[in-house]
Every structure is written in C-alpha cells, then in structure tokens.
Amino acid sequence: MPNLKDIKLRIKSIKNTQKITQAMKMVAAAKVKKAESAVKASRPFSQAIKSVFDKVCKSAKTTPQDGIKSNVAIENYPVLLATREIKTVGILAITSNKGLAGAYNANIVRKTIARIKELKEQNIEIKLFIIGQKGVNGLRDFVKKQNLNVVKTYTKLPATITIGATNLIIEEMAEHFVSESIDSIEVITTKFKSMLSFVPEVISVLPVKIAKEEPKEIKPELGEAPLHAQMLFEPSAEAVLSKIVPLYLSNSVYQACLEAQASELASRMTAMSNATTNAEEMVHILTIDYNKARQGAITQELLEVVSGANALGG
C-alpha cells in the first residue's frame, strides 16, 4: 500500500511545479504577442528592401566595381555580390539561451546537423556561428565528433533582439566572406507562421543572390518602339550600393532573429501550457490514490480493533 506521507509530499511538489509552469506560460503569452507583432510589422519592410535591392543591383550591373574597397567588410559590396567556387560554408544557427521551450531548440539542432551532413557529402568544409547557449550545448558532442570549427558563439545577446546586435553578427560573418575564408554563408532559423506553426528553414545570405527578372517594358504609343524602364543613381551607383547592400544583409539576419524569437516564445507558451495541464491531471490521479490509501488504512485499523475486541470477548 502506498505511503500516505509520500503521496501527500508528491502532490505538494507537483502543485508547486504547476505554479511555476503557469507563471512561465503567462509570461511567454505576454511576450509572444509583442514578438508576433514585431515579426508581422517587419516583413513588409524586409520584402521592400529585397525588391529595391534587386532593382538597384540589376540596374547597376554594368557599373565599374574594380578597386572599390572599404575598411568595413559589410560595405565591400563588389566582393559580397561576387560568386565563387564554394569550398567552405559558414552556418549561423539561431537558438535560445533558455530551455523549457518544447522542441524548438532540438529542431534547430537537428536541422543544423542534417545540413552539415548534406554539405559534408559534397566535400564542403563547415564553419559554425551559433546564437544561443542551447545551440552551443546541443551541438557540442556533434562538433567534437566531426571535428568542426566553431568560429563564434553569441550567448549574451539582448533578450529582445536589436538591429545593433545583428549588425555586429553580419559584420563578423562578412569579414570571413571578404577574406575568402568562407565562400558562402547560410542562416538556420525558424519561420514563424502562427502560434502553433513554426518550422526550421535554411536561408542563404552570402553571396547575395539577385532574382532574375526581365526589365519592365513600358507600352509606347501606337507605332513607336518599345521602351524599357531605367533607374538613375544620385550621386552614383557605387554610393547607393554601398548603403543598400549592408542594409539588406543586416535586415536579413535581423528578420531571421525576429522569426526565431517569436517561434521560441510560442513554443515555450505551448510547452508550459501542456506542462500545466499534465500537472493538473497528475494531481487529480494522486489525490484519488491518496484517498484510496487513506480509506484502506482506516479500514485496516477498524478490522484490527474489531478483531481485538472479538479476541477479548472470546
């Protein structure tokens, strides 16, 4: 028969845990609304930046770019726009510093490992950049086993991601790309779709890939030759590109971090909600066991009293 004291202590312990999970659920629910709003608000800007970036690059494709160099790696747009044979790929994996977020971090770790194995099959060297302590811990054994090079880890970023933090990350990544120690850079993040739907995805950041699109044709008056839209640059194409390329790259990483942060909070809210529900069910089951054990103990005591009385009476 279960010990009444042990059951009572376990019920008390589960109720205390339930209070914690309930509080974490409420905190995550409050934060995820703000994160969701930030993601949805930034998406139109990201799409607009991508569209403008493509148009500028296509219009400036005949602009002389040789000899243009900057001390800031992210401003070396001629190198960043150039493609070369891919021998080494840098992967930026975005995870969280905190756990208790369901399968969020595990999914990113699995996606990263799968991508590394895929590139290894193509005899491509891997260099890792990792955001979040959970990613560092989750990939530690795999990194040692595969003898991979972890270039940089970011475990002290602000709780709410900022454009300044992503500027630092993309600048360090761009330095490796410009120095040709890395030929391509990918970001592994989680695409936020809804509170219950967020999937890992791989985003190619460098080299910058320009979408192929034919120049827009303007319909002329009847009998005239067709016209094509042209873009004029002021003060020059080089000046515009030197500003828009860093903005585009920085925004790409910033958007990936926003998507990951919203997914993390949504996953944590769901996980804590499930944990709270499970705790409630366990308390209910243990309470029934406790009542059964208590009733059994009372019945046993009554039987002993009756048996003793009968023995004395006999």
C-alpha atoms as a PDB file:
ATOM      1  CA  MET A   1       0.000   0.000   0.000  1.00  0.00           C
ATOM      2  CA  PRO A   2       1.412   3.492  -0.915  1.00  0.00           C
ATOM      3  CA  ASN A   3       2.716   5.605   1.935  1.00  0.00           C
ATOM      4  CA  LEU A   4       0.267   8.452   2.681  1.00  0.00           C
ATOM      5  CA  LYS A   5       3.040  10.878   3.577  1.00  0.00           C
ATOM      6  CA  ASP A   6       4.932  10.195   0.347  1.00  0.00           C
ATOM      7  CA  ILE A   7       1.803  10.726  -1.765  1.00  0.00           C
ATOM      8  CA  LYS A   8       0.999  13.970   0.048  1.00  0.00           C
ATOM      9  CA  LEU A   9       4.539  15.284  -0.457  1.00  0.00           C
ATOM     10  CA  ARG A  10       4.411  14.401  -4.153  1.00  0.00           C
ATOM     11  CA  ILE A  11       1.082  16.206  -4.597  1.00  0.00           C
ATOM     12  CA  LYS A  12       2.535  19.289  -2.911  1.00  0.00           C
ATOM     13  CA  SER A  13       5.651  19.150  -5.117  1.00  0.00           C
ATOM     14  CA  ILE A  14       3.589  18.861  -8.323  1.00  0.00           C
ATOM     15  CA  LYS A  15       1.352  21.771  -7.279  1.00  0.00           C
ATOM     16  CA  ASN A  16       4.446  23.934  -6.704  1.00  0.00           C
ATOM     17  CA  THR A  17       5.763  22.980 -10.149  1.00  0.00           C
ATOM     18  CA  GLN A  18       2.360  23.750 -11.638  1.00  0.00           C
ATOM     19  CA  LYS A  19       2.520  27.280 -10.229  1.00  0.00           C
ATOM     20  CA  ILE A  20       5.889  27.779 -11.939  1.00  0.00           C
ATOM     21  CA  THR A  21       4.737  26.438 -15.321  1.00  0.00           C
ATOM     22  CA  GLN A  22       1.565  28.547 -15.114  1.00  0.00           C
ATOM     23  CA  ALA A  23       3.620  31.675 -14.433  1.00  0.00           C
ATOM     24  CA  MET A  24       6.013  30.878 -17.311  1.00  0.00           C
ATOM     25  CA  LYS A  25       3.065  30.309 -19.618  1.00  0.00           C
ATOM     26  CA  MET A  26       1.621  33.716 -18.745  1.00  0.00           C
ATOM     27  CA  VAL A  27       4.978  35.461 -19.228  1.00  0.00           C
ATOM     28  CA  ALA A  28       5.524  33.758 -22.605  1.00  0.00           C
ATOM     29  CA  ALA A  29       1.959  34.605 -23.690  1.00  0.00           C
ATOM     30  CA  ALA A  30       2.538  38.274 -22.858  1.00  0.00           C
ATOM     31  CA  LYS A  31       5.854  38.366 -24.732  1.00  0.00           C
ATOM     32  CA  VAL A  32       4.792  36.337 -27.774  1.00  0.00           C
ATOM     33  CA  LYS A  33       2.110  38.864 -28.722  1.00  0.00           C
ATOM     34  CA  LYS A  34       4.737  41.604 -28.874  1.00  0.00           C
ATOM     35  CA  ALA A  35       7.144  39.346 -30.783  1.00  0.00           C
ATOM     36  CA  GLU A  36       4.429  38.342 -33.257  1.00  0.00           C
ATOM     37  CA  SER A  37       3.584  41.985 -33.865  1.00  0.00           C
ATOM     38  CA  ALA A  38       7.273  42.787 -34.436  1.00  0.00           C
ATOM     39  CA  VAL A  39       7.600  39.964 -36.983  1.00  0.00           C
ATOM     40  CA  LYS A  40       4.485  40.942 -38.912  1.00  0.00           C
ATOM     41  CA  ALA A  41       5.444  44.623 -38.845  1.00  0.00           C
ATOM     42  CA  SER A  42       8.964  43.956 -40.165  1.00  0.00           C
ATOM     43  CA  ARG A  43       8.012  41.603 -43.007  1.00  0.00           C
ATOM     44  CA  PRO A  44       6.730  44.318 -45.403  1.00  0.00           C
ATOM     45  CA  PHE A  45       9.924  46.309 -44.848  1.00  0.00           C
ATOM     46  CA  SER A  46      12.073  43.208 -45.496  1.00  0.00           C
ATOM     47  CA  GLN A  47      10.174  42.476 -48.703  1.00  0.00           C
ATOM     48  CA  ALA A  48      10.511  46.094 -49.824  1.00  0.00           C
ATOM     49  CA  ILE A  49      14.260  46.109 -49.087  1.00  0.00           C
ATOM     50  CA  LYS A  50      14.661  42.893 -51.097  1.00  0.00           C
ATOM     51  CA  SER A  51      12.699  44.332 -54.017  1.00  0.00           C
ATOM     52  CA  VAL A  52      14.666  47.610 -54.068  1.00  0.00           C
ATOM     53  CA  PHE A  53      17.940  45.749 -53.619  1.00  0.00           C
ATOM     54  CA  ASP A  54      17.240  43.539 -56.649  1.00  0.00           C
ATOM     55  CA  LYS A  55      16.294  46.517 -58.816  1.00  0.00           C
ATOM     56  CA  VAL A  56      19.367  48.521 -57.830  1.00  0.00           C
ATOM     57  CA  CYS A  57      21.744  45.596 -58.412  1.00  0.00           C
ATOM     58  CA  LYS A  58      20.267  44.859 -61.832  1.00  0.00           C
ATOM     59  CA  SER A  59      20.390  48.491 -62.897  1.00  0.00           C
ATOM     60  CA  ALA A  60      23.977  48.879 -61.673  1.00  0.00           C
ATOM     61  CA  LYS A  61      25.286  45.598 -63.082  1.00  0.00           C
ATOM     62  CA  THR A  62      27.393  47.388 -65.717  1.00  0.00           C
ATOM     63  CA  THR A  63      28.863  49.855 -63.218  1.00  0.00           C
ATOM     64  CA  PRO A  64      32.662  49.520 -62.812  1.00  0.00           C
ATOM     65  CA  GLN A  65      33.371  47.918 -59.432  1.00  0.00           C
ATOM     66  CA  ASP A  66      37.071  47.084 -59.549  1.00  0.00           C
ATOM     67  CA  GLY A  67      39.268  48.684 -56.928  1.00  0.00           C
ATOM     68  CA  ILE A  68      36.406  49.602 -54.576  1.00  0.00           C
ATOM     69  CA  LYS A  69      37.395  48.597 -51.041  1.00  0.00           C
ATOM     70  CA  SER A  70      36.299  49.608 -47.554  1.00  0.00           C
ATOM     71  CA  ASN A  71      37.717  49.004 -44.099  1.00  0.00           C
ATOM     72  CA  VAL A  72      34.228  47.821 -43.088  1.00  0.00           C
ATOM     73  CA  ALA A  73      33.702  44.336 -44.537  1.00  0.00           C
ATOM     74  CA  ILE A  74      29.960  44.706 -44.982  1.00  0.00           C
ATOM     75  CA  GLU A  75      30.486  47.750 -47.231  1.00  0.00           C
ATOM     76  CA  ASN A  76      32.661  45.849 -49.735  1.00  0.00           C
ATOM     77  CA  TYR A  77      29.671  45.252 -51.975  1.00  0.00           C
ATOM     78  CA  PRO A  78      31.667  44.216 -55.089  1.00  0.00           C
ATOM     79  CA  VAL A  79      33.060  41.226 -53.149  1.00  0.00           C
ATOM     80  CA  LEU A  80      29.757  40.476 -51.444  1.00  0.00           C
ATOM     81  CA  LEU A  81      27.915  40.440 -54.762  1.00  0.00           C
ATOM     82  CA  ALA A  82      30.504  38.215 -56.440  1.00  0.00           C
ATOM     83  CA  THR A  83      30.071  34.444 -56.640  1.00  0.00           C
ATOM     84  CA  ARG A  84      32.941  31.965 -56.481  1.00  0.00           C
ATOM     85  CA  GLU A  85      33.517  28.260 -56.157  1.00  0.00           C
ATOM     86  CA  ILE A  86      32.090  27.096 -52.829  1.00  0.00           C
ATOM     87  CA  LYS A  87      34.660  25.203 -50.794  1.00  0.00           C
ATOM     88  CA  THR A  88      33.714  26.396 -47.293  1.00  0.00           C
ATOM     89  CA  VAL A  89      30.251  27.233 -45.961  1.00  0.00           C
ATOM     90  CA  GLY A  90      29.576  29.243 -42.828  1.00  0.00           C
ATOM     91  CA  ILE A  91      26.395  28.280 -40.979  1.00  0.00           C
ATOM     92  CA  LEU A  92      24.690  30.572 -38.456  1.00  0.00           C
ATOM     93  CA  ALA A  93      22.375  28.519 -36.211  1.00  0.00           C
ATOM     94  CA  ILE A  94      19.858  30.583 -34.217  1.00  0.00           C
ATOM     95  CA  THR A  95      18.743  29.006 -30.914  1.00  0.00           C
ATOM     96  CA  SER A  96      17.802  30.376 -27.484  1.00  0.00           C
ATOM     97  CA  ASN A  97      19.710  30.846 -24.232  1.00  0.00           C
ATOM     98  CA  LYS A  98      16.875  29.353 -22.171  1.00  0.00           C
ATOM     99  CA  GLY A  99      15.261  25.950 -22.271  1.00  0.00           C
ATOM    100  CA  LEU A 100      11.722  24.791 -21.451  1.00  0.00           C
ATOM    101  CA  ALA A 101      10.635  25.737 -24.977  1.00  0.00           C
ATOM    102  CA  GLY A 102       9.400  22.373 -26.172  1.00  0.00           C
ATOM    103  CA  ALA A 103      11.121  21.030 -29.277  1.00  0.00           C
ATOM    104  CA  TYR A 104      12.191  24.473 -30.545  1.00  0.00           C
ATOM    105  CA  ASN A 105      15.936  24.162 -29.878  1.00  0.00           C
ATOM    106  CA  ALA A 106      16.034  20.446 -30.671  1.00  0.00           C
ATOM    107  CA  ASN A 107      14.506  21.105 -34.109  1.00  0.00           C
ATOM    108  CA  ILE A 108      17.161  23.730 -34.911  1.00  0.00           C
ATOM    109  CA  VAL A 109      19.954  21.413 -33.738  1.00  0.00           C
ATOM    110  CA  ARG A 110      18.594  18.567 -35.873  1.00  0.00           C
ATOM    111  CA  LYS A 111      18.210  20.854 -38.895  1.00  0.00           C
ATOM    112  CA  THR A 112      21.780  22.116 -38.449  1.00  0.00           C
ATOM    113  CA  ILE A 113      23.193  18.585 -38.160  1.00  0.00           C
ATOM    114  CA  ALA A 114      21.240  17.462 -41.232  1.00  0.00           C
ATOM    115  CA  ARG A 115      22.523  20.449 -43.248  1.00  0.00           C
ATOM    116  CA  ILE A 116      26.116  19.828 -42.142  1.00  0.00           C
ATOM    117  CA  LYS A 117      25.895  16.161 -43.182  1.00  0.00           C
ATOM    118  CA  GLU A 118      24.433  17.209 -46.532  1.00  0.00           C
ATOM    119  CA  LEU A 119      27.330  19.601 -47.185  1.00  0.00           C
ATOM    120  CA  LYS A 120      29.894  17.067 -45.950  1.00  0.00           C
ATOM    121  CA  GLU A 121      28.681  14.637 -48.610  1.00  0.00           C
ATOM    122  CA  GLN A 122      29.629  17.294 -51.170  1.00  0.00           C
ATOM    123  CA  ASN A 123      33.133  17.565 -49.627  1.00  0.00           C
ATOM    124  CA  ILE A 124      32.431  21.102 -48.412  1.00  0.00           C
ATOM    125  CA  GLU A 125      34.112  22.372 -45.240  1.00  0.00           C
ATOM    126  CA  ILE A 126      31.894  23.778 -42.486  1.00  0.00           C
ATOM    127  CA  LYS A 127      32.444  26.724 -40.149  1.00  0.00           C
ATOM    128  CA  LEU A 128      29.852  27.351 -37.445  1.00  0.00           C
ATOM    129  CA  PHE A 129      28.427  30.509 -35.901  1.00  0.00           C
ATOM    130  CA  ILE A 130      25.969  29.768 -33.085  1.00  0.00           C
ATOM    131  CA  ILE A 131      23.464  32.066 -31.406  1.00  0.00           C
ATOM    132  CA  GLY A 132      22.168  30.841 -28.034  1.00  0.00           C
ATOM    133  CA  GLN A 133      23.545  28.664 -25.238  1.00  0.00           C
ATOM    134  CA  LYS A 134      21.166  25.817 -26.088  1.00  0.00           C
ATOM    135  CA  GLY A 135      22.646  25.588 -29.563  1.00  0.00           C
ATOM    136  CA  VAL A 136      26.171  25.529 -28.131  1.00  0.00           C
ATOM    137  CA  ASN A 137      25.226  22.719 -25.730  1.00  0.00           C
ATOM    138  CA  GLY A 138      23.163  20.787 -28.264  1.00  0.00           C
ATOM    139  CA  LEU A 139      25.868  20.796 -30.943  1.00  0.00           C
ATOM    140  CA  ARG A 140      28.874  20.285 -28.631  1.00  0.00           C
ATOM    141  CA  ASP A 141      29.136  16.491 -28.978  1.00  0.00           C
ATOM    142  CA  PHE A 142      28.479  16.561 -32.734  1.00  0.00           C
ATOM    143  CA  VAL A 143      31.095  19.293 -33.228  1.00  0.00           C
ATOM    144  CA  LYS A 144      33.703  17.244 -31.341  1.00  0.00           C
ATOM    145  CA  LYS A 145      32.841  14.075 -33.208  1.00  0.00           C
ATOM    146  CA  GLN A 146      33.008  15.756 -36.637  1.00  0.00           C
ATOM    147  CA  ASN A 147      35.946  17.985 -35.649  1.00  0.00           C
ATOM    148  CA  LEU A 148      34.108  21.100 -36.842  1.00  0.00           C
ATOM    149  CA  ASN A 149      35.334  24.671 -36.494  1.00  0.00           C
ATOM    150  CA  VAL A 150      33.067  26.858 -34.324  1.00  0.00           C
ATOM    151  CA  VAL A 151      34.133  30.354 -35.363  1.00  0.00           C
ATOM    152  CA  LYS A 152      31.997  32.358 -32.912  1.00  0.00           C
ATOM    153  CA  THR A 153      29.238  31.836 -30.375  1.00  0.00           C
ATOM    154  CA  TYR A 154      26.771  34.526 -29.301  1.00  0.00           C
ATOM    155  CA  THR A 155      25.286  33.786 -25.864  1.00  0.00           C
ATOM    156  CA  LYS A 156      24.999  37.291 -24.407  1.00  0.00           C
ATOM    157  CA  LEU A 157      22.725  38.991 -26.907  1.00  0.00           C
ATOM    158  CA  PRO A 158      19.849  41.190 -25.616  1.00  0.00           C
ATOM    159  CA  ALA A 159      16.685  39.358 -24.526  1.00  0.00           C
ATOM    160  CA  THR A 160      14.875  41.310 -27.248  1.00  0.00           C
ATOM    161  CA  ILE A 161      16.991  41.223 -30.400  1.00  0.00           C
ATOM    162  CA  THR A 162      18.134  44.591 -31.730  1.00  0.00           C
ATOM    163  CA  ILE A 163      19.388  45.758 -35.118  1.00  0.00           C
ATOM    164  CA  GLY A 164      22.682  46.730 -33.444  1.00  0.00           C
ATOM    165  CA  ALA A 165      23.290  43.148 -32.332  1.00  0.00           C
ATOM    166  CA  THR A 166      22.556  41.760 -35.802  1.00  0.00           C
ATOM    167  CA  ASN A 167      24.859  44.392 -37.350  1.00  0.00           C
ATOM    168  CA  LEU A 168      27.690  43.011 -35.214  1.00  0.00           C
ATOM    169  CA  ILE A 169      26.926  39.436 -36.293  1.00  0.00           C
ATOM    170  CA  ILE A 170      26.666  40.128 -40.027  1.00  0.00           C
ATOM    171  CA  GLU A 171      29.824  42.290 -39.953  1.00  0.00           C
ATOM    172  CA  GLU A 172      31.841  39.427 -38.448  1.00  0.00           C
ATOM    173  CA  MET A 173      30.394  36.994 -40.971  1.00  0.00           C
ATOM    174  CA  ALA A 174      31.111  39.393 -43.833  1.00  0.00           C
ATOM    175  CA  GLU A 175      34.759  39.697 -42.717  1.00  0.00           C
ATOM    176  CA  HIS A 176      35.237  35.954 -43.220  1.00  0.00           C
ATOM    177  CA  PHE A 177      33.485  36.140 -46.591  1.00  0.00           C
ATOM    178  CA  VAL A 178      35.553  39.079 -47.818  1.00  0.00           C
ATOM    179  CA  SER A 179      38.789  37.408 -46.669  1.00  0.00           C
ATOM    180  CA  GLU A 180      37.659  34.303 -48.630  1.00  0.00           C
ATOM    181  CA  SER A 181      37.975  32.004 -45.613  1.00  0.00           C
ATOM    182  CA  ILE A 182      34.265  31.324 -46.202  1.00  0.00           C
ATOM    183  CA  ASP A 183      32.666  31.151 -49.642  1.00  0.00           C
ATOM    184  CA  SER A 184      29.009  31.025 -48.654  1.00  0.00           C
ATOM    185  CA  ILE A 185      27.005  31.859 -45.519  1.00  0.00           C
ATOM    186  CA  GLU A 186      23.672  30.320 -44.533  1.00  0.00           C
ATOM    187  CA  VAL A 187      21.333  31.041 -41.631  1.00  0.00           C
ATOM    188  CA  ILE A 188      19.299  28.287 -39.979  1.00  0.00           C
ATOM    189  CA  THR A 189      16.296  29.784 -38.205  1.00  0.00           C
ATOM    190  CA  THR A 190      12.648  29.011 -37.506  1.00  0.00           C
ATOM    191  CA  LYS A 191       9.961  30.514 -39.740  1.00  0.00           C
ATOM    192  CA  PHE A 192       7.081  31.808 -37.614  1.00  0.00           C
ATOM    193  CA  LYS A 193       3.709  31.055 -39.216  1.00  0.00           C
ATOM    194  CA  SER A 194       1.327  31.088 -36.264  1.00  0.00           C
ATOM    195  CA  MET A 195       1.205  30.385 -32.529  1.00  0.00           C
ATOM    196  CA  LEU A 196       1.077  26.656 -33.301  1.00  0.00           C
ATOM    197  CA  SER A 197       3.106  26.509 -36.502  1.00  0.00           C
ATOM    198  CA  PHE A 198       6.814  27.296 -36.854  1.00  0.00           C
ATOM    199  CA  VAL A 199       9.240  25.271 -38.949  1.00  0.00           C
ATOM    200  CA  PRO A 200      13.053  25.315 -39.282  1.00  0.00           C
ATOM    201  CA  GLU A 201      14.403  26.679 -42.556  1.00  0.00           C
ATOM    202  CA  VAL A 202      17.743  27.408 -44.213  1.00  0.00           C
ATOM    203  CA  ILE A 203      18.312  30.912 -45.629  1.00  0.00           C
ATOM    204  CA  SER A 204      21.194  31.743 -47.964  1.00  0.00           C
ATOM    205  CA  VAL A 205      22.706  35.132 -47.028  1.00  0.00           C
ATOM    206  CA  LEU A 206      26.067  35.345 -48.811  1.00  0.00           C
ATOM    207  CA  PRO A 207      26.854  35.533 -51.638  1.00  0.00           C
ATOM    208  CA  VAL A 208      23.872  37.736 -52.324  1.00  0.00           C
ATOM    209  CA  LYS A 209      21.607  36.139 -54.900  1.00  0.00           C
ATOM    210  CA  ILE A 210      19.761  38.510 -57.193  1.00  0.00           C
ATOM    211  CA  ALA A 211      16.395  37.323 -58.503  1.00  0.00           C
ATOM    212  CA  LYS A 212      16.328  37.030 -62.282  1.00  0.00           C
ATOM    213  CA  GLU A 213      13.693  39.229 -63.850  1.00  0.00           C
ATOM    214  CA  GLU A 214      13.341  40.750 -67.278  1.00  0.00           C
ATOM    215  CA  PRO A 215      13.337  44.576 -67.404  1.00  0.00           C
ATOM    216  CA  LYS A 216       9.848  46.008 -67.234  1.00  0.00           C
ATOM    217  CA  GLU A 217       8.651  47.132 -70.635  1.00  0.00           C
ATOM    218  CA  ILE A 218       6.643  50.346 -70.971  1.00  0.00           C
ATOM    219  CA  LYS A 219       3.949  50.227 -73.607  1.00  0.00           C
ATOM    220  CA  PRO A 220       4.523  53.095 -76.077  1.00  0.00           C
ATOM    221  CA  GLU A 221       2.035  54.896 -78.246  1.00  0.00           C
ATOM    222  CA  LEU A 222       0.881  53.111 -81.382  1.00  0.00           C
ATOM    223  CA  GLY A 223       3.652  52.902 -83.969  1.00  0.00           C
ATOM    224  CA  GLU A 224       6.509  53.698 -81.580  1.00  0.00           C
ATOM    225  CA  ALA A 225       9.342  51.394 -80.492  1.00  0.00           C
ATOM    226  CA  PRO A 226       9.009  49.643 -77.081  1.00  0.00           C
ATOM    227  CA  LEU A 227      10.598  51.399 -74.098  1.00  0.00           C
ATOM    228  CA  HIS A 228      12.347  49.907 -71.058  1.00  0.00           C
ATOM    229  CA  ALA A 229      12.368  51.419 -67.567  1.00  0.00           C
ATOM    230  CA  GLN A 230      15.751  52.694 -66.378  1.00  0.00           C
ATOM    231  CA  MET A 231      16.991  53.646 -62.927  1.00  0.00           C
ATOM    232  CA  LEU A 232      19.167  56.695 -62.370  1.00  0.00           C
ATOM    233  CA  PHE A 233      21.514  56.918 -59.362  1.00  0.00           C
ATOM    234  CA  GLU A 234      22.334  60.018 -57.367  1.00  0.00           C
ATOM    235  CA  PRO A 235      25.123  60.710 -56.551  1.00  0.00           C
ATOM    236  CA  SER A 236      26.299  57.409 -58.117  1.00  0.00           C
ATOM    237  CA  ALA A 237      25.518  53.701 -58.342  1.00  0.00           C
ATOM    238  CA  GLU A 238      28.525  52.944 -56.117  1.00  0.00           C
ATOM    239  CA  ALA A 239      27.249  55.259 -53.361  1.00  0.00           C
ATOM    240  CA  VAL A 240      23.767  53.718 -53.466  1.00  0.00           C
ATOM    241  CA  LEU A 241      25.073  50.142 -53.448  1.00  0.00           C
ATOM    242  CA  SER A 242      27.496  50.848 -50.599  1.00  0.00           C
ATOM    243  CA  LYS A 243      24.475  51.773 -48.470  1.00  0.00           C
ATOM    244  CA  ILE A 244      21.801  49.363 -49.620  1.00  0.00           C
ATOM    245  CA  VAL A 245      23.910  46.165 -49.553  1.00  0.00           C
ATOM    246  CA  PRO A 246      24.789  46.482 -45.817  1.00  0.00           C
ATOM    247  CA  LEU A 247      21.173  47.418 -45.068  1.00  0.00           C
ATOM    248  CA  TYR A 248      19.875  44.386 -46.959  1.00  0.00           C
ATOM    249  CA  LEU A 249      22.305  41.946 -45.297  1.00  0.00           C
ATOM    250  CA  SER A 250      21.757  43.311 -41.805  1.00  0.00           C
ATOM    251  CA  ASN A 251      17.987  43.218 -42.247  1.00  0.00           C
ATOM    252  CA  SER A 252      18.151  39.599 -43.489  1.00  0.00           C
ATOM    253  CA  VAL A 253      19.794  38.436 -40.246  1.00  0.00           C
ATOM    254  CA  TYR A 254      17.590  40.723 -38.140  1.00  0.00           C
ATOM    255  CA  GLN A 255      14.427  39.286 -39.712  1.00  0.00           C
ATOM    256  CA  ALA A 256      15.705  35.729 -39.153  1.00  0.00           C
ATOM    257  CA  CYS A 257      16.298  36.527 -35.464  1.00  0.00           C
ATOM    258  CA  LEU A 258      12.836  38.069 -35.104  1.00  0.00           C
ATOM    259  CA  GLU A 259      11.236  34.976 -36.640  1.00  0.00           C
ATOM    260  CA  ALA A 260      13.263  32.743 -34.302  1.00  0.00           C
ATOM    261  CA  GLN A 261      12.379  34.782 -31.216  1.00  0.00           C
ATOM    262  CA  ALA A 262       8.648  34.683 -31.939  1.00  0.00           C
ATOM    263  CA  SER A 263       8.842  30.928 -32.604  1.00  0.00           C
ATOM    264  CA  GLU A 264      10.736  30.348 -29.357  1.00  0.00           C
ATOM    265  CA  LEU A 265       8.150  32.222 -27.267  1.00  0.00           C
ATOM    266  CA  ALA A 266       5.234  30.493 -28.985  1.00  0.00           C
ATOM    267  CA  SER A 267       6.877  27.108 -28.427  1.00  0.00           C
ATOM    268  CA  ARG A 268       7.531  27.938 -24.754  1.00  0.00           C
ATOM    269  CA  MET A 269       3.947  29.075 -24.223  1.00  0.00           C
ATOM    270  CA  THR A 270       2.617  25.830 -25.723  1.00  0.00           C
ATOM    271  CA  ALA A 271       5.069  23.691 -23.739  1.00  0.00           C
ATOM    272  CA  MET A 272       4.240  25.396 -20.443  1.00  0.00           C
ATOM    273  CA  SER A 273       0.512  25.147 -21.168  1.00  0.00           C
ATOM    274  CA  ASN A 274       0.870  21.400 -21.744  1.00  0.00           C
ATOM    275  CA  ALA A 275       3.010  21.051 -18.609  1.00  0.00           C
ATOM    276  CA  THR A 276       0.394  22.869 -16.518  1.00  0.00           C
ATOM    277  CA  THR A 277      -2.375  20.635 -17.862  1.00  0.00           C
ATOM    278  CA  ASN A 278      -0.323  17.482 -17.229  1.00  0.00           C
ATOM    279  CA  ALA A 279       0.446  18.619 -13.679  1.00  0.00           C
ATOM    280  CA  GLU A 280      -3.250  19.124 -13.029  1.00  0.00           C
ATOM    281  CA  GLU A 281      -4.006  15.611 -14.272  1.00  0.00           C
ATOM    282  CA  MET A 282      -1.240  14.113 -12.124  1.00  0.00           C
ATOM    283  CA  VAL A 283      -2.563  15.904  -9.020  1.00  0.00           C
ATOM    284  CA  HIS A 284      -6.031  14.512  -9.752  1.00  0.00           C
ATOM    285  CA  ILE A 285      -4.701  10.939 -10.106  1.00  0.00           C
ATOM    286  CA  LEU A 286      -2.526  11.207  -6.995  1.00  0.00           C
ATOM    287  CA  THR A 287      -5.419  12.656  -4.998  1.00  0.00           C
ATOM    288  CA  ILE A 288      -7.512   9.590  -5.880  1.00  0.00           C
ATOM    289  CA  ASP A 289      -4.602   7.312  -4.883  1.00  0.00           C
ATOM    290  CA  TYR A 290      -4.238   9.256  -1.629  1.00  0.00           C
ATOM    291  CA  ASN A 291      -7.931   8.889  -0.791  1.00  0.00           C
ATOM    292  CA  LYS A 292      -7.847   5.177  -1.590  1.00  0.00           C
ATOM    293  CA  ALA A 293      -4.768   4.678   0.573  1.00  0.00           C
ATOM    294  CA  ARG A 294      -6.323   6.677   3.429  1.00  0.00           C
ATOM    295  CA  GLN A 295      -9.567   4.691   3.244  1.00  0.00           C
ATOM    296  CA  GLY A 296      -7.590   1.445   3.181  1.00  0.00           C
ATOM    297  CA  ALA A 297      -5.653   2.491   6.253  1.00  0.00           C
ATOM    298  CA  ILE A 298      -8.875   3.358   8.112  1.00  0.00           C
ATOM    299  CA  THR A 299     -10.459   0.050   7.116  1.00  0.00           C
ATOM    300  CA  GLN A 300      -7.377  -1.825   8.283  1.00  0.00           C
ATOM    301  CA  GLU A 301      -7.453  -0.066  11.656  1.00  0.00           C
ATOM    302  CA  LEU A 302     -11.158  -0.880  12.098  1.00  0.00           C
ATOM    303  CA  LEU A 303     -10.538  -4.535  11.295  1.00  0.00           C
ATOM    304  CA  GLU A 304      -7.750  -4.650  13.848  1.00  0.00           C
ATOM    305  CA  VAL A 305      -9.988  -3.070  16.523  1.00  0.00           C
ATOM    306  CA  VAL A 306     -12.858  -5.469  15.778  1.00  0.00           C
ATOM    307  CA  SER A 307     -10.515  -8.458  15.768  1.00  0.00           C
ATOM    308  CA  GLY A 308      -9.035  -7.380  19.108  1.00  0.00           C
ATOM    309  CA  ALA A 309     -12.482  -6.885  20.645  1.00  0.00           C
ATOM    310  CA  ASN A 310     -13.609 -10.306  19.447  1.00  0.00           C
ATOM    311  CA  ALA A 311     -10.494 -11.931  20.891  1.00  0.00           C
ATOM    312  CA  LEU A 312     -11.050 -10.278  24.268  1.00  0.00           C
ATOM    313  CA  GLY A 313     -14.741 -11.211  24.226  1.00  0.00           C
ATOM    314  CA  GLY A 314     -13.907 -14.825  23.415  1.00  0.00           C
END
